[in-house]
Protein backbone atom coordinates (compact mmCIF):
# COMPACT_ATOMS: atom_id res chain seq x y z
CA UNK A 1 153.43 134.52 -97.13
CA UNK A 2 151.76 133.41 -93.90
CA UNK A 3 153.45 131.00 -91.51
CA UNK A 4 152.25 128.11 -89.38
CA UNK A 5 151.83 128.33 -85.63
CA UNK A 6 155.40 127.14 -85.02
CA UNK A 7 156.75 130.01 -87.12
CA UNK A 8 159.11 127.79 -89.10
CA UNK A 9 156.93 126.60 -91.97
CA UNK A 10 154.89 128.46 -94.57
CA UNK A 11 151.18 127.93 -93.94
CA UNK A 12 149.72 125.84 -96.78
CA UNK A 13 146.34 126.25 -98.39
CA UNK A 14 143.86 123.52 -97.51
CA UNK A 15 141.02 123.26 -100.07
CA UNK A 16 140.52 119.59 -99.21
CA UNK A 17 144.20 118.73 -98.74
CA UNK A 18 146.18 117.71 -95.68
CA UNK A 19 148.49 120.25 -94.12
CA UNK A 20 150.72 119.97 -91.05
CA UNK A 21 148.33 122.36 -89.30
CA UNK A 22 145.01 120.60 -89.89
CA UNK A 23 145.56 116.95 -88.93
CA UNK A 24 146.64 114.56 -86.21
CA UNK A 25 148.50 111.29 -86.88
CA UNK A 26 147.50 108.10 -85.06
CA UNK A 27 149.53 104.87 -84.78
CA UNK A 28 147.42 101.95 -83.53
CA UNK A 29 148.83 98.64 -82.30
CA UNK A 30 152.14 98.51 -84.15
CA UNK A 31 153.20 95.64 -81.88
CA UNK A 32 155.03 92.33 -82.48
CA UNK A 33 152.11 89.93 -82.12
CA UNK A 34 150.00 91.99 -84.49
CA UNK A 35 152.75 91.98 -87.10
CA UNK A 36 153.26 88.21 -86.70
CA UNK A 37 149.68 87.71 -87.88
CA UNK A 38 149.97 90.04 -90.86
CA UNK A 39 150.26 88.19 -94.17
CA UNK A 40 148.82 90.39 -96.91
CA UNK A 41 151.82 92.70 -97.23
CA UNK A 42 155.58 92.48 -96.74
CA UNK A 43 156.11 93.02 -93.02
CA UNK A 44 159.49 94.70 -93.25
CA UNK A 45 157.95 97.21 -95.64
CA UNK A 46 155.17 97.96 -93.15
CA UNK A 47 157.81 98.73 -90.51
CA UNK A 48 159.73 100.90 -92.98
CA UNK A 49 156.72 102.91 -94.09
CA UNK A 50 155.42 103.36 -90.55
CA UNK A 51 158.75 104.67 -89.29
CA UNK A 52 159.06 106.97 -92.32
CA UNK A 53 155.67 108.54 -91.63
CA UNK A 54 156.51 108.85 -87.93
CA UNK A 55 159.68 110.76 -88.81
CA UNK A 56 157.72 112.98 -91.20
CA UNK A 57 155.28 113.77 -88.38
CA UNK A 58 158.22 114.99 -86.33
CA UNK A 59 159.65 117.02 -89.20
CA UNK A 60 156.36 118.84 -89.80
CA UNK A 61 155.47 119.10 -86.10
CA UNK A 62 152.17 117.26 -86.55
CA UNK A 63 150.57 116.05 -83.29
CA UNK A 64 150.75 112.27 -82.84
CA UNK A 65 148.73 109.82 -80.75
CA UNK A 66 150.30 106.42 -80.02
CA UNK A 67 148.22 103.55 -78.69
CA UNK A 68 148.70 99.87 -77.89
CA UNK A 69 146.45 96.98 -76.91
CA UNK A 70 147.00 94.27 -74.27
CA UNK A 71 150.74 94.87 -74.28
CA UNK A 72 151.73 92.53 -71.47
CA UNK A 73 149.16 89.79 -71.94
CA UNK A 74 149.30 89.33 -75.72
CA UNK A 75 150.61 91.92 -78.16
CA UNK A 76 154.05 92.89 -76.84
CA UNK A 77 155.67 96.32 -76.69
CA UNK A 78 155.27 98.87 -79.46
CA UNK A 79 158.03 98.34 -82.02
CA UNK A 80 161.30 99.86 -80.79
CA UNK A 81 161.87 101.38 -84.24
CA UNK A 82 158.69 103.42 -83.78
CA UNK A 83 159.32 104.24 -80.12
CA UNK A 84 162.75 105.61 -81.09
CA UNK A 85 161.10 108.34 -83.18
CA UNK A 86 159.13 109.50 -80.13
CA UNK A 87 161.52 109.17 -77.17
CA UNK A 88 159.83 109.52 -73.82
CA UNK A 89 156.32 109.17 -75.24
CA UNK A 90 154.20 106.44 -73.68
CA UNK A 91 151.44 104.89 -75.82
CA UNK A 92 147.88 104.92 -74.53
CA UNK A 93 147.25 101.36 -73.33
CA UNK A 94 143.87 99.77 -74.10
CA UNK A 95 141.97 96.55 -73.66
CA UNK A 96 139.51 97.37 -76.46
CA UNK A 97 140.09 96.32 -80.05
CA UNK A 98 138.27 99.49 -81.09
CA UNK A 99 140.29 102.54 -80.03
CA UNK A 100 137.18 104.70 -80.28
CA UNK A 101 135.77 102.78 -77.30
CA UNK A 102 138.66 104.00 -75.15
CA UNK A 103 137.97 107.34 -73.45
CA UNK A 104 141.66 108.17 -73.04
CA UNK A 105 142.32 107.67 -76.74
CA UNK A 106 139.35 109.81 -77.80
CA UNK A 107 140.34 112.48 -75.27
CA UNK A 108 143.85 112.61 -76.77
CA UNK A 109 142.39 113.17 -80.23
CA UNK A 110 140.00 115.84 -78.96
CA UNK A 111 142.83 117.62 -77.15
CA UNK A 112 144.55 118.34 -80.47
CA UNK A 113 141.50 120.24 -81.70
CA UNK A 114 141.92 118.74 -85.15
CA UNK A 115 139.17 117.06 -87.19
CA UNK A 116 141.34 115.31 -89.77
CA UNK A 117 142.91 112.05 -88.57
CA UNK A 118 145.71 110.35 -90.50
CA UNK A 119 145.50 106.80 -89.20
CA UNK A 120 147.57 103.62 -89.42
CA UNK A 121 147.32 100.34 -87.56
CA UNK A 122 147.25 96.58 -87.35
CA UNK A 123 144.97 94.86 -88.21
CA UNK A 124 143.04 96.71 -90.88
CA UNK A 125 139.68 94.99 -90.43
CA UNK A 126 139.49 95.60 -86.67
CA UNK A 127 141.92 98.11 -85.17
CA UNK A 128 141.71 100.37 -88.24
CA UNK A 129 138.18 99.84 -89.57
CA UNK A 130 136.27 100.07 -86.29
CA UNK A 131 137.63 103.43 -85.02
CA UNK A 132 137.55 104.81 -88.56
CA UNK A 133 133.85 104.11 -89.01
CA UNK A 134 132.95 105.52 -85.60
CA UNK A 135 135.19 108.58 -85.85
CA UNK A 136 133.56 109.44 -89.18
CA UNK A 137 130.18 109.04 -87.48
CA UNK A 138 131.34 111.55 -84.85
CA UNK A 139 132.29 114.14 -87.46
CA UNK A 140 135.97 113.40 -88.12
CA UNK A 141 137.61 113.08 -91.52
CA UNK A 142 139.82 109.98 -91.74
CA UNK A 143 142.79 109.31 -94.00
CA UNK A 144 143.95 105.67 -93.80
CA UNK A 145 147.68 105.11 -94.38
CA UNK A 146 147.20 101.88 -96.27
CA UNK A 147 150.90 101.03 -96.62
CA UNK A 148 151.32 101.29 -92.83
CA UNK A 149 148.47 98.81 -92.24
CA UNK A 150 148.11 95.07 -92.67
CA UNK A 151 145.85 92.13 -91.93
CA UNK A 152 145.69 88.36 -91.59
CA UNK A 153 144.90 87.91 -95.29
CA UNK A 154 144.59 89.90 -98.48
CA UNK A 155 140.84 89.38 -98.39
CA UNK A 156 140.59 90.76 -94.84
CA UNK A 157 142.65 93.84 -95.71
CA UNK A 158 140.81 94.50 -98.98
CA UNK A 159 137.38 94.13 -97.37
CA UNK A 160 138.42 96.48 -94.57
CA UNK A 161 139.61 99.12 -97.04
CA UNK A 162 136.36 98.82 -98.99
CA UNK A 163 134.42 99.24 -95.76
CA UNK A 164 136.24 102.36 -94.60
CA UNK A 165 136.16 103.94 -98.06
CA UNK A 166 132.42 103.30 -98.28
CA UNK A 167 132.11 104.97 -94.88
CA UNK A 168 133.91 108.02 -96.23
CA UNK A 169 137.59 107.46 -95.40
CA UNK A 170 140.31 108.44 -97.85
CA UNK A 171 143.18 106.01 -98.60
CA UNK A 172 146.68 107.51 -98.65
CA UNK A 173 150.26 106.28 -98.31
CA UNK A 174 153.12 107.35 -96.10
CA UNK A 175 154.96 108.97 -99.03
CA UNK A 176 151.91 110.75 -100.43
CA UNK A 177 151.16 112.18 -96.99
CA UNK A 178 154.69 113.47 -96.46
CA UNK A 179 154.75 115.08 -99.91
CA UNK A 180 151.32 116.62 -99.29
CA UNK A 181 152.73 118.22 -96.15
CA UNK A 182 155.82 119.47 -98.03
CA UNK A 183 153.82 120.59 -101.09
CA UNK A 184 156.50 122.92 -102.49
CA UNK A 185 160.22 122.23 -102.86
CA UNK A 186 160.86 125.93 -102.32
CA UNK A 187 159.94 125.39 -98.64
CA UNK A 188 163.53 124.93 -97.51
CA UNK A 189 162.64 124.75 -93.81
CA UNK A 190 161.73 121.07 -94.19
CA UNK A 191 163.36 120.17 -97.53
CA UNK A 192 166.55 118.58 -96.19
CA UNK A 193 164.70 116.57 -93.54
CA UNK A 194 162.25 115.26 -96.13
CA UNK A 195 165.12 114.26 -98.41
CA UNK A 196 166.77 112.46 -95.48
CA UNK A 197 163.60 110.40 -94.99
CA UNK A 198 163.41 109.72 -98.73
CA UNK A 199 167.02 108.50 -98.85
CA UNK A 200 166.56 106.30 -95.77
CA UNK A 201 163.17 104.79 -96.49
CA UNK A 202 161.99 105.13 -100.08
CA UNK A 203 164.19 102.81 -102.10
CA UNK A 204 164.61 103.76 -105.75
CA UNK A 205 163.33 107.29 -105.11
CA UNK A 206 166.00 107.78 -102.48
CA UNK A 207 168.76 106.31 -104.63
CA UNK A 208 167.61 108.54 -107.49
CA UNK A 209 167.92 111.60 -105.26
CA UNK A 210 171.41 110.49 -104.20
CA UNK A 211 172.44 110.02 -107.85
CA UNK A 212 171.22 113.45 -108.91
CA UNK A 213 172.82 115.15 -105.91
CA UNK A 214 176.24 113.57 -106.49
CA UNK A 215 176.44 113.05 -110.25
CA UNK A 216 174.52 116.09 -111.54
CA UNK A 217 174.92 118.72 -108.83
CA UNK A 218 178.31 117.64 -107.55
CA UNK A 219 177.22 117.35 -103.94
CA UNK A 220 179.19 115.10 -101.59
CA UNK A 221 177.81 111.61 -101.04
CA UNK A 222 175.43 111.14 -98.14
CA UNK A 223 177.21 109.86 -95.05
CA UNK A 224 175.23 107.40 -92.98
CA UNK A 225 176.25 106.46 -89.42
CA UNK A 226 179.12 103.99 -89.48
CA UNK A 227 178.16 100.45 -88.62
CA UNK A 228 179.36 99.21 -85.25
CA UNK A 229 179.03 95.55 -84.31
CA UNK A 230 176.80 95.34 -81.22
CA UNK A 231 178.28 93.97 -78.04
CA UNK A 232 176.61 90.83 -76.66
CA UNK A 233 173.27 91.60 -75.09
CA UNK A 234 172.68 90.91 -71.42
CA UNK A 235 170.32 88.08 -72.39
CA UNK A 236 173.22 86.22 -74.01
CA UNK A 237 175.77 86.59 -71.22
């Protein structure tokens, strides 16, 4: 069995599929003001799915590009839940709605040397659709993480997805992408980390895993960090 460049994971066959070694993940404008305007999809679920995919990117050592738009003048800081998955990483700041118009963003993609882009962002019809269409034009293959995206209305989101699919993009979800990277439960190097993401972020699937572990296999119950009541923030003193 061959192994990936990091030596810890078996190298998966491609044949049209995503692998941890052939793609780069992009998070575009996951910022407060952009989420405020999202109404086609449950916003807490968008946060959940985005963070889950971010964690999976870390587990499988997939390169990630973070980018934000007009942080100080309009959109606010990238969500702290997402920043926490990538400590010390600063997003590429832009003024352009279309990330593909930003030379620093494109340079970051080119630096990875990968031609498959797994992409998520807010809003779908602008910050997702525009770079998707142009990246495809420039020879990239785009996979849109639809459950990590959202727009101002269902119509706007649906039209954007139709547009990118017609341009050649492939719709995926955060869970489908993570499982495509895992591919085989015999790959124990990432199995436990994937199950941790499942139990933290994927609802009934995660509870089902917990049930089977404890009731069928006799494993001890998962222990989550104990809850501690936060002390008053500086802003409230």
